[in-house]
N, C-alpha and C. Protein backbone atom coordinates (compact mmCIF):
# COMPACT_ATOMS: atom_id res chain seq x y z
N ALA A 1 64.66 16.14 -118.74
CA ALA A 1 65.48 15.79 -117.74
C ALA A 1 64.18 14.83 -116.98
N TYR A 2 63.41 15.04 -116.70
CA TYR A 2 61.95 14.36 -116.21
C TYR A 2 61.81 13.03 -116.97
N GLU A 3 61.90 12.87 -117.97
CA GLU A 3 61.48 11.70 -118.91
C GLU A 3 62.77 11.02 -118.72
N ARG A 4 63.79 11.45 -118.58
CA ARG A 4 65.37 10.54 -118.86
C ARG A 4 65.78 10.17 -117.30
N GLN A 5 64.87 10.91 -116.08
CA GLN A 5 65.59 10.25 -114.60
C GLN A 5 65.57 8.96 -114.95
N PHE A 6 65.23 8.26 -115.21
CA PHE A 6 64.83 6.80 -115.51
C PHE A 6 66.55 6.08 -115.99
N TYR A 7 67.01 7.28 -116.94
CA TYR A 7 67.89 6.68 -117.66
C TYR A 7 69.45 7.40 -117.02
N PRO A 8 69.64 6.95 -115.70
CA PRO A 8 70.73 8.02 -115.39
C PRO A 8 71.97 8.34 -116.29
N GLY A 9 72.41 7.14 -117.23
CA GLY A 9 73.57 7.02 -117.70
C GLY A 9 73.18 8.48 -118.91
N ALA A 10 72.30 8.36 -119.21
CA ALA A 10 71.71 9.42 -120.05
C ALA A 10 71.79 10.50 -120.48
N THR A 11 71.90 11.33 -119.15
CA THR A 11 71.38 12.38 -118.07
C THR A 11 73.08 13.06 -117.71
N SER A 12 73.02 14.03 -117.50
CA SER A 12 74.15 15.25 -117.22
C SER A 12 74.12 15.12 -115.73
N VAL A 13 75.42 15.69 -115.01
CA VAL A 13 75.05 15.60 -113.82
C VAL A 13 73.68 16.50 -113.30
N ALA A 14 73.96 17.54 -113.81
CA ALA A 14 72.67 18.79 -113.42
C ALA A 14 71.40 18.22 -113.66
N GLU A 15 71.14 17.34 -114.81
CA GLU A 15 69.98 16.98 -114.90
C GLU A 15 69.70 15.70 -113.82
N ASN A 16 70.85 15.48 -113.79
CA ASN A 16 70.33 14.26 -112.74
C ASN A 16 70.38 14.51 -111.34
N ASN A 17 70.83 15.65 -111.03
CA ASN A 17 70.17 16.35 -109.73
C ASN A 17 68.85 16.15 -109.86
N ILE A 18 68.35 16.88 -110.72
CA ILE A 18 66.67 17.18 -111.07
C ILE A 18 66.13 15.77 -110.74
N GLY A 19 66.35 14.57 -111.70
CA GLY A 19 65.83 13.63 -111.69
C GLY A 19 65.76 12.58 -110.37
N HIS A 20 66.93 13.07 -109.66
CA HIS A 20 66.94 12.32 -108.00
C HIS A 20 67.13 13.22 -107.04
């Protein structure tokens, strides 16, 4: 999730919460 936080469209809702 951390490396994908720059790509919100590629993250799930849960990962998006971690990234943002």
